[in-house]
Amino acid sequence: MRAPTLREFAQQFGGHYLATEGALWRTLKLLFLKPGALTREYLAGRRRRYVQPLRLYLTISLFALLALRLATTVDVNLPPGTADHLARTNELQLETIGQGRVGVRDGAFYCQNLPDWLCRRLERRLDLDRRALRREFELAPERFISHFGQAMFVLVPMFALWLKLA
């Protein structure tokens, strides 16, 4: 017996998981219309009719990330003239982070009153030649979107844990 191809796997998975009579739609209907009822069903042991919580979380996350990627744009608003000033002087003063200060002055990176690990990380990002530093600012919106998924996969479960503890 041979292993299924990726296409065959996707067809079987999609046909089973996304079927109109399937558990996903039954689960989503209860989740959005009667969330307490879904919880009661799960706690009463009637779980076969519904999608498991982790699978549901991963599915919703996947759809949310796809929608975010397709429909969202991020605009980083730098003060007027920042890019030109950066190109001319290679000097940049970032906003104060707590008690710390970070920036590039006379082509040299400085970091004051921040943890060493954070200074090293910021230095790798900022201690660049003029063109590379300007490019970092141009790529910031794209990086924001690409890191959103990682943040969601970490922060949503942490939030759920905090709620459980509360």
N, C-alpha and C. Protein backbone atom coordinates (compact mmCIF):
# COMPACT_ATOMS: atom_id res chain seq x y z
N MET A 1 0.85 -1.19 0.00
CA MET A 1 0.00 0.00 0.00
C MET A 1 0.89 1.24 0.00
N ARG A 2 0.61 2.18 -0.90
CA ARG A 2 1.44 3.37 -1.03
C ARG A 2 0.88 4.51 -0.18
N ALA A 3 1.76 5.44 0.19
CA ALA A 3 1.35 6.61 0.95
C ALA A 3 0.59 7.56 0.02
N PRO A 4 -0.42 8.27 0.52
CA PRO A 4 -1.17 9.18 -0.34
C PRO A 4 -0.30 10.38 -0.75
N THR A 5 -0.60 10.92 -1.91
CA THR A 5 0.08 12.14 -2.35
C THR A 5 -0.47 13.31 -1.55
N LEU A 6 0.20 14.44 -1.64
CA LEU A 6 -0.25 15.64 -0.94
C LEU A 6 -1.64 16.05 -1.43
N ARG A 7 -1.87 15.93 -2.71
CA ARG A 7 -3.18 16.28 -3.27
C ARG A 7 -4.26 15.36 -2.72
N GLU A 8 -4.01 14.06 -2.68
CA GLU A 8 -4.99 13.11 -2.15
C GLU A 8 -5.26 13.38 -0.67
N PHE A 9 -4.20 13.67 0.07
CA PHE A 9 -4.35 13.99 1.49
C PHE A 9 -5.22 15.24 1.67
N ALA A 10 -4.93 16.28 0.89
CA ALA A 10 -5.69 17.53 1.00
C ALA A 10 -7.17 17.30 0.65
N GLN A 11 -7.44 16.49 -0.38
CA GLN A 11 -8.82 16.21 -0.75
C GLN A 11 -9.55 15.47 0.37
N GLN A 12 -8.90 14.44 0.93
CA GLN A 12 -9.52 13.69 2.01
C GLN A 12 -9.73 14.55 3.24
N PHE A 13 -8.71 15.32 3.60
CA PHE A 13 -8.79 16.18 4.78
C PHE A 13 -9.88 17.23 4.59
N GLY A 14 -9.84 17.92 3.45
CA GLY A 14 -10.83 18.95 3.18
C GLY A 14 -12.23 18.39 3.09
N GLY A 15 -12.39 17.26 2.43
CA GLY A 15 -13.70 16.65 2.31
C GLY A 15 -14.27 16.23 3.65
N HIS A 16 -13.43 15.71 4.50
CA HIS A 16 -13.88 15.27 5.82
C HIS A 16 -14.07 16.45 6.78
N TYR A 17 -13.12 17.33 6.80
CA TYR A 17 -13.10 18.41 7.79
C TYR A 17 -14.03 19.55 7.43
N LEU A 18 -14.13 19.86 6.16
CA LEU A 18 -14.92 21.01 5.74
C LEU A 18 -16.28 20.63 5.17
N ALA A 19 -16.68 19.38 5.27
CA ALA A 19 -17.98 18.94 4.75
C ALA A 19 -19.10 19.74 5.40
N THR A 20 -20.15 20.01 4.62
CA THR A 20 -21.25 20.83 5.15
C THR A 20 -21.94 20.19 6.34
N GLU A 21 -21.91 18.89 6.45
CA GLU A 21 -22.50 18.20 7.58
C GLU A 21 -21.46 17.89 8.65
N GLY A 22 -20.26 18.40 8.47
CA GLY A 22 -19.14 18.02 9.31
C GLY A 22 -19.12 18.67 10.68
N ALA A 23 -18.18 18.17 11.48
CA ALA A 23 -18.04 18.62 12.86
C ALA A 23 -17.60 20.08 12.96
N LEU A 24 -16.83 20.54 11.97
CA LEU A 24 -16.36 21.94 12.03
C LEU A 24 -17.53 22.91 12.04
N TRP A 25 -18.48 22.71 11.13
CA TRP A 25 -19.60 23.64 11.05
C TRP A 25 -20.52 23.53 12.25
N ARG A 26 -20.70 22.30 12.74
CA ARG A 26 -21.50 22.09 13.95
C ARG A 26 -20.85 22.81 15.14
N THR A 27 -19.53 22.69 15.23
CA THR A 27 -18.79 23.33 16.32
C THR A 27 -18.86 24.85 16.21
N LEU A 28 -18.62 25.38 15.02
CA LEU A 28 -18.65 26.83 14.84
C LEU A 28 -20.03 27.40 15.11
N LYS A 29 -21.07 26.67 14.70
CA LYS A 29 -22.44 27.13 14.96
C LYS A 29 -22.68 27.28 16.46
N LEU A 30 -22.33 26.25 17.21
CA LEU A 30 -22.52 26.34 18.66
C LEU A 30 -21.59 27.38 19.28
N LEU A 31 -20.36 27.45 18.79
CA LEU A 31 -19.39 28.39 19.36
C LEU A 31 -19.86 29.83 19.22
N PHE A 32 -20.40 30.17 18.06
CA PHE A 32 -20.82 31.55 17.83
C PHE A 32 -22.22 31.85 18.34
N LEU A 33 -23.12 30.87 18.28
CA LEU A 33 -24.50 31.13 18.68
C LEU A 33 -24.78 30.79 20.13
N LYS A 34 -24.17 29.72 20.64
CA LYS A 34 -24.39 29.29 22.02
C LYS A 34 -23.08 28.76 22.62
N PRO A 35 -22.12 29.64 22.90
CA PRO A 35 -20.81 29.16 23.35
C PRO A 35 -20.87 28.34 24.65
N GLY A 36 -21.79 28.67 25.52
CA GLY A 36 -21.93 27.89 26.75
C GLY A 36 -22.38 26.47 26.48
N ALA A 37 -23.23 26.29 25.46
CA ALA A 37 -23.73 24.96 25.12
C ALA A 37 -22.59 24.08 24.60
N LEU A 38 -21.68 24.66 23.84
CA LEU A 38 -20.53 23.90 23.35
C LEU A 38 -19.66 23.44 24.51
N THR A 39 -19.46 24.31 25.46
CA THR A 39 -18.67 23.94 26.64
C THR A 39 -19.36 22.83 27.43
N ARG A 40 -20.67 22.93 27.61
CA ARG A 40 -21.41 21.89 28.34
C ARG A 40 -21.33 20.55 27.62
N GLU A 41 -21.46 20.57 26.30
CA GLU A 41 -21.36 19.33 25.51
C GLU A 41 -19.97 18.70 25.70
N TYR A 42 -18.96 19.51 25.65
CA TYR A 42 -17.59 19.01 25.78
C TYR A 42 -17.36 18.42 27.17
N LEU A 43 -17.81 19.14 28.20
CA LEU A 43 -17.62 18.67 29.58
C LEU A 43 -18.48 17.44 29.89
N ALA A 44 -19.60 17.26 29.18
CA ALA A 44 -20.47 16.10 29.39
C ALA A 44 -19.94 14.87 28.66
N GLY A 45 -18.84 15.02 27.91
CA GLY A 45 -18.24 13.88 27.24
C GLY A 45 -18.73 13.66 25.82
N ARG A 46 -19.61 14.52 25.31
CA ARG A 46 -20.11 14.39 23.94
C ARG A 46 -19.17 15.17 23.01
N ARG A 47 -18.04 14.56 22.74
CA ARG A 47 -16.98 15.25 22.00
C ARG A 47 -16.83 14.78 20.57
N ARG A 48 -17.34 13.62 20.24
CA ARG A 48 -17.13 13.06 18.89
C ARG A 48 -17.82 13.89 17.82
N ARG A 49 -18.90 14.56 18.16
CA ARG A 49 -19.65 15.34 17.18
C ARG A 49 -19.00 16.68 16.87
N TYR A 50 -18.01 17.07 17.67
CA TYR A 50 -17.42 18.40 17.54
C TYR A 50 -15.92 18.30 17.30
N VAL A 51 -15.36 19.39 16.82
CA VAL A 51 -13.91 19.46 16.58
C VAL A 51 -13.21 19.63 17.92
N GLN A 52 -12.11 18.95 18.08
CA GLN A 52 -11.34 19.06 19.31
C GLN A 52 -10.83 20.49 19.47
N PRO A 53 -10.73 20.98 20.71
CA PRO A 53 -10.36 22.39 20.94
C PRO A 53 -9.04 22.80 20.28
N LEU A 54 -7.99 21.99 20.38
CA LEU A 54 -6.72 22.37 19.77
C LEU A 54 -6.83 22.44 18.25
N ARG A 55 -7.51 21.49 17.65
CA ARG A 55 -7.69 21.50 16.19
C ARG A 55 -8.52 22.71 15.77
N LEU A 56 -9.53 23.05 16.55
CA LEU A 56 -10.35 24.22 16.25
C LEU A 56 -9.51 25.49 16.34
N TYR A 57 -8.69 25.61 17.37
CA TYR A 57 -7.81 26.76 17.54
C TYR A 57 -6.86 26.90 16.36
N LEU A 58 -6.26 25.79 15.95
CA LEU A 58 -5.31 25.83 14.83
C LEU A 58 -6.02 26.19 13.52
N THR A 59 -7.22 25.67 13.32
CA THR A 59 -7.97 25.98 12.11
C THR A 59 -8.35 27.45 12.06
N ILE A 60 -8.89 27.96 13.15
CA ILE A 60 -9.28 29.38 13.18
C ILE A 60 -8.04 30.26 13.03
N SER A 61 -6.93 29.87 13.64
CA SER A 61 -5.69 30.64 13.51
C SER A 61 -5.23 30.67 12.07
N LEU A 62 -5.30 29.54 11.40
CA LEU A 62 -4.88 29.47 10.00
C LEU A 62 -5.74 30.40 9.14
N PHE A 63 -7.05 30.35 9.31
CA PHE A 63 -7.92 31.22 8.53
C PHE A 63 -7.70 32.69 8.88
N ALA A 64 -7.48 32.99 10.16
CA ALA A 64 -7.23 34.38 10.57
C ALA A 64 -5.94 34.90 9.97
N LEU A 65 -4.90 34.07 9.96
CA LEU A 65 -3.63 34.51 9.39
C LEU A 65 -3.72 34.69 7.88
N LEU A 66 -4.45 33.82 7.21
CA LEU A 66 -4.65 33.99 5.77
C LEU A 66 -5.41 35.29 5.48
N ALA A 67 -6.46 35.54 6.25
CA ALA A 67 -7.22 36.77 6.06
C ALA A 67 -6.36 37.99 6.36
N LEU A 68 -5.55 37.91 7.39
CA LEU A 68 -4.66 39.02 7.75
C LEU A 68 -3.67 39.29 6.63
N ARG A 69 -3.10 38.23 6.09
CA ARG A 69 -2.10 38.36 5.02
C ARG A 69 -2.72 38.97 3.77
N LEU A 70 -3.97 38.58 3.46
CA LEU A 70 -4.60 39.04 2.23
C LEU A 70 -5.23 40.43 2.34
N ALA A 71 -5.71 40.78 3.52
CA ALA A 71 -6.53 41.98 3.64
C ALA A 71 -5.89 43.12 4.40
N THR A 72 -4.73 42.92 5.00
CA THR A 72 -4.18 43.94 5.88
C THR A 72 -2.94 44.58 5.30
N THR A 73 -2.87 45.88 5.47
CA THR A 73 -1.63 46.59 5.19
C THR A 73 -1.26 47.37 6.44
N VAL A 74 0.02 47.48 6.67
CA VAL A 74 0.51 48.21 7.84
C VAL A 74 1.33 49.38 7.34
N ASP A 75 1.06 50.54 7.90
CA ASP A 75 1.80 51.73 7.52
C ASP A 75 2.57 52.21 8.73
N VAL A 76 3.88 52.26 8.61
CA VAL A 76 4.71 52.78 9.69
C VAL A 76 4.86 54.27 9.48
N ASN A 77 4.36 55.05 10.41
CA ASN A 77 4.41 56.50 10.29
C ASN A 77 5.64 57.04 10.99
N LEU A 78 6.66 57.32 10.23
CA LEU A 78 7.85 57.96 10.77
C LEU A 78 7.63 59.46 10.73
N PRO A 79 8.27 60.19 11.64
CA PRO A 79 8.15 61.65 11.56
C PRO A 79 8.60 62.14 10.18
N PRO A 80 8.00 63.20 9.69
CA PRO A 80 8.37 63.69 8.36
C PRO A 80 9.87 63.97 8.27
N GLY A 81 10.46 63.53 7.20
CA GLY A 81 11.88 63.78 6.96
C GLY A 81 12.82 62.80 7.62
N THR A 82 12.29 61.78 8.32
CA THR A 82 13.16 60.83 9.02
C THR A 82 14.06 60.08 8.04
N ALA A 83 13.49 59.60 6.97
CA ALA A 83 14.28 58.84 6.00
C ALA A 83 15.36 59.71 5.37
N ASP A 84 15.01 60.96 5.05
CA ASP A 84 16.00 61.86 4.46
C ASP A 84 17.10 62.20 5.48
N HIS A 85 16.71 62.47 6.70
CA HIS A 85 17.69 62.76 7.76
C HIS A 85 18.61 61.56 7.96
N LEU A 86 18.03 60.38 7.95
CA LEU A 86 18.80 59.16 8.11
C LEU A 86 19.79 58.99 6.96
N ALA A 87 19.35 59.27 5.75
CA ALA A 87 20.24 59.13 4.60
C ALA A 87 21.38 60.15 4.62
N ARG A 88 21.11 61.37 5.11
CA ARG A 88 22.14 62.41 5.14
C ARG A 88 23.14 62.22 6.27
N THR A 89 22.64 61.92 7.48
CA THR A 89 23.51 61.98 8.66
C THR A 89 23.84 60.63 9.27
N ASN A 90 23.08 59.59 8.92
CA ASN A 90 23.22 58.28 9.56
C ASN A 90 23.06 58.41 11.08
N GLU A 91 22.14 59.29 11.48
CA GLU A 91 21.87 59.52 12.90
C GLU A 91 20.38 59.31 13.15
N LEU A 92 20.07 58.57 14.17
CA LEU A 92 18.69 58.25 14.46
C LEU A 92 18.52 58.12 15.97
N GLN A 93 17.59 58.87 16.53
CA GLN A 93 17.27 58.77 17.96
C GLN A 93 15.91 58.12 18.07
N LEU A 94 15.86 56.91 18.63
CA LEU A 94 14.58 56.24 18.83
C LEU A 94 13.90 56.80 20.06
N GLU A 95 12.62 56.53 20.17
CA GLU A 95 11.89 56.93 21.36
C GLU A 95 12.51 56.27 22.58
N THR A 96 12.35 56.88 23.70
CA THR A 96 12.84 56.30 24.94
C THR A 96 12.05 55.05 25.26
N ILE A 97 12.74 53.98 25.62
CA ILE A 97 12.10 52.72 25.99
C ILE A 97 12.24 52.60 27.50
N GLY A 98 11.18 52.95 28.22
CA GLY A 98 11.29 52.97 29.69
C GLY A 98 12.32 54.02 30.08
N GLN A 99 13.34 53.61 30.81
CA GLN A 99 14.43 54.51 31.20
C GLN A 99 15.58 54.49 30.22
N GLY A 100 15.52 53.60 29.24
CA GLY A 100 16.63 53.44 28.30
C GLY A 100 16.52 54.34 27.08
N ARG A 101 17.66 54.54 26.43
CA ARG A 101 17.72 55.30 25.19
C ARG A 101 18.50 54.48 24.17
N VAL A 102 18.01 54.51 22.93
CA VAL A 102 18.63 53.74 21.86
C VAL A 102 18.72 54.62 20.63
N GLY A 103 19.80 54.46 19.87
CA GLY A 103 19.90 55.21 18.63
C GLY A 103 21.21 54.98 17.93
N VAL A 104 21.39 55.74 16.85
CA VAL A 104 22.63 55.72 16.09
C VAL A 104 23.07 57.17 15.98
N ARG A 105 24.30 57.46 16.44
CA ARG A 105 24.82 58.82 16.38
C ARG A 105 26.20 58.78 15.74
N ASP A 106 26.40 59.61 14.74
CA ASP A 106 27.68 59.66 14.02
C ASP A 106 28.08 58.28 13.51
N GLY A 107 27.09 57.51 13.08
CA GLY A 107 27.37 56.20 12.53
C GLY A 107 27.64 55.12 13.56
N ALA A 108 27.56 55.44 14.86
CA ALA A 108 27.84 54.45 15.92
C ALA A 108 26.56 54.20 16.74
N PHE A 109 26.31 52.96 17.03
CA PHE A 109 25.14 52.56 17.82
C PHE A 109 25.38 52.86 19.30
N TYR A 110 24.34 53.31 19.99
CA TYR A 110 24.42 53.46 21.45
C TYR A 110 23.15 52.92 22.09
N CYS A 111 23.30 52.40 23.28
CA CYS A 111 22.18 51.83 24.03
C CYS A 111 22.47 52.07 25.50
N GLN A 112 21.58 52.77 26.18
CA GLN A 112 21.79 53.12 27.58
C GLN A 112 20.62 52.64 28.44
N ASN A 113 20.94 52.10 29.60
CA ASN A 113 19.95 51.71 30.62
C ASN A 113 18.95 50.66 30.15
N LEU A 114 19.41 49.74 29.30
CA LEU A 114 18.58 48.62 28.87
C LEU A 114 19.35 47.33 29.11
N PRO A 115 18.67 46.19 29.22
CA PRO A 115 19.38 44.91 29.41
C PRO A 115 20.33 44.63 28.25
N ASP A 116 21.42 43.95 28.55
CA ASP A 116 22.43 43.66 27.53
C ASP A 116 21.86 42.89 26.35
N TRP A 117 21.00 41.88 26.64
CA TRP A 117 20.45 41.08 25.54
C TRP A 117 19.63 41.93 24.59
N LEU A 118 18.90 42.91 25.12
CA LEU A 118 18.09 43.78 24.28
C LEU A 118 18.98 44.73 23.48
N CYS A 119 20.03 45.25 24.11
CA CYS A 119 20.96 46.13 23.40
C CYS A 119 21.63 45.39 22.24
N ARG A 120 22.06 44.15 22.48
CA ARG A 120 22.70 43.38 21.40
C ARG A 120 21.74 43.15 20.24
N ARG A 121 20.50 42.83 20.57
CA ARG A 121 19.51 42.58 19.52
C ARG A 121 19.22 43.86 18.72
N LEU A 122 19.05 44.97 19.43
CA LEU A 122 18.79 46.23 18.75
C LEU A 122 20.01 46.67 17.93
N GLU A 123 21.20 46.41 18.43
CA GLU A 123 22.41 46.78 17.70
C GLU A 123 22.49 46.03 16.37
N ARG A 124 22.15 44.75 16.38
CA ARG A 124 22.16 43.99 15.13
C ARG A 124 21.20 44.60 14.11
N ARG A 125 20.11 45.18 14.59
CA ARG A 125 19.12 45.77 13.68
C ARG A 125 19.50 47.18 13.22
N LEU A 126 20.16 47.94 14.09
CA LEU A 126 20.35 49.36 13.80
C LEU A 126 21.76 49.77 13.40
N ASP A 127 22.77 49.02 13.78
CA ASP A 127 24.14 49.42 13.50
C ASP A 127 24.52 48.97 12.09
N LEU A 128 23.95 49.66 11.11
CA LEU A 128 24.11 49.31 9.72
C LEU A 128 24.51 50.55 8.93
N ASP A 129 24.92 50.34 7.71
CA ASP A 129 25.19 51.51 6.87
C ASP A 129 23.86 52.18 6.54
N ARG A 130 23.94 53.36 5.95
CA ARG A 130 22.74 54.16 5.72
C ARG A 130 21.69 53.43 4.90
N ARG A 131 22.11 52.83 3.80
CA ARG A 131 21.14 52.18 2.92
C ARG A 131 20.48 50.98 3.60
N ALA A 132 21.27 50.20 4.33
CA ALA A 132 20.71 49.03 4.99
C ALA A 132 19.73 49.44 6.10
N LEU A 133 20.06 50.51 6.83
CA LEU A 133 19.18 50.99 7.89
C LEU A 133 17.88 51.52 7.30
N ARG A 134 17.99 52.23 6.21
CA ARG A 134 16.78 52.74 5.54
C ARG A 134 15.91 51.57 5.07
N ARG A 135 16.55 50.53 4.56
CA ARG A 135 15.82 49.34 4.11
C ARG A 135 15.12 48.65 5.28
N GLU A 136 15.76 48.62 6.45
CA GLU A 136 15.12 48.04 7.64
C GLU A 136 13.80 48.74 7.95
N PHE A 137 13.78 50.07 7.83
CA PHE A 137 12.56 50.81 8.09
C PHE A 137 11.51 50.55 7.02
N GLU A 138 11.95 50.38 5.77
CA GLU A 138 11.00 50.09 4.71
C GLU A 138 10.37 48.72 4.87
N LEU A 139 11.11 47.76 5.42
CA LEU A 139 10.60 46.39 5.59
C LEU A 139 9.82 46.19 6.89
N ALA A 140 9.77 47.20 7.74
CA ALA A 140 9.11 47.07 9.04
C ALA A 140 7.65 46.63 8.93
N PRO A 141 6.84 47.21 8.03
CA PRO A 141 5.44 46.75 7.95
C PRO A 141 5.33 45.27 7.57
N GLU A 142 6.13 44.84 6.63
CA GLU A 142 6.10 43.43 6.22
C GLU A 142 6.51 42.51 7.37
N ARG A 143 7.50 42.91 8.13
CA ARG A 143 7.94 42.11 9.28
C ARG A 143 6.85 42.05 10.34
N PHE A 144 6.15 43.15 10.53
CA PHE A 144 5.08 43.18 11.52
C PHE A 144 4.04 42.12 11.20
N ILE A 145 3.61 42.05 9.94
CA ILE A 145 2.61 41.07 9.53
C ILE A 145 3.17 39.66 9.66
N SER A 146 4.42 39.45 9.26
CA SER A 146 4.96 38.09 9.30
C SER A 146 5.14 37.59 10.73
N HIS A 147 5.38 38.48 11.68
CA HIS A 147 5.56 38.05 13.08
C HIS A 147 4.24 37.98 13.84
N PHE A 148 3.19 38.47 13.23
CA PHE A 148 1.88 38.46 13.90
C PHE A 148 1.42 37.02 14.19
N GLY A 149 1.65 36.12 13.25
CA GLY A 149 1.25 34.73 13.45
C GLY A 149 1.99 34.09 14.60
N GLN A 150 3.28 34.33 14.69
CA GLN A 150 4.06 33.77 15.80
C GLN A 150 3.55 34.32 17.13
N ALA A 151 3.27 35.61 17.16
CA ALA A 151 2.77 36.22 18.39
C ALA A 151 1.42 35.63 18.76
N MET A 152 0.56 35.41 17.77
CA MET A 152 -0.75 34.85 18.05
C MET A 152 -0.65 33.44 18.63
N PHE A 153 0.24 32.62 18.08
CA PHE A 153 0.38 31.25 18.56
C PHE A 153 0.96 31.19 19.96
N VAL A 154 1.64 32.22 20.39
CA VAL A 154 2.21 32.25 21.74
C VAL A 154 1.26 32.96 22.71
N LEU A 155 0.74 34.11 22.31
CA LEU A 155 -0.01 34.94 23.24
C LEU A 155 -1.43 34.45 23.51
N VAL A 156 -2.10 33.90 22.52
CA VAL A 156 -3.48 33.43 22.76
C VAL A 156 -3.50 32.29 23.79
N PRO A 157 -2.66 31.26 23.67
CA PRO A 157 -2.65 30.23 24.72
C PRO A 157 -2.23 30.79 26.09
N MET A 158 -1.30 31.74 26.09
CA MET A 158 -0.92 32.34 27.38
C MET A 158 -2.10 33.08 27.99
N PHE A 159 -2.86 33.78 27.18
CA PHE A 159 -4.04 34.48 27.67
C PHE A 159 -5.05 33.50 28.23
N ALA A 160 -5.25 32.36 27.53
CA ALA A 160 -6.17 31.34 28.01
C ALA A 160 -5.71 30.78 29.36
N LEU A 161 -4.40 30.59 29.50
CA LEU A 161 -3.88 30.11 30.76
C LEU A 161 -4.10 31.13 31.88
N TRP A 162 -3.86 32.39 31.59
CA TRP A 162 -4.10 33.43 32.59
C TRP A 162 -5.57 33.47 32.99
N LEU A 163 -6.48 33.31 32.02
CA LEU A 163 -7.90 33.28 32.35
C LEU A 163 -8.24 32.08 33.23
N LYS A 164 -7.63 30.94 32.94
CA LYS A 164 -7.88 29.76 33.74
C LYS A 164 -7.40 29.98 35.18
N LEU A 165 -6.23 30.59 35.32
CA LEU A 165 -5.71 30.86 36.65
C LEU A 165 -6.56 31.88 37.41
N ALA A 166 -7.12 32.82 36.68
CA ALA A 166 -7.97 33.84 37.32
C ALA A 166 -9.28 33.23 37.74
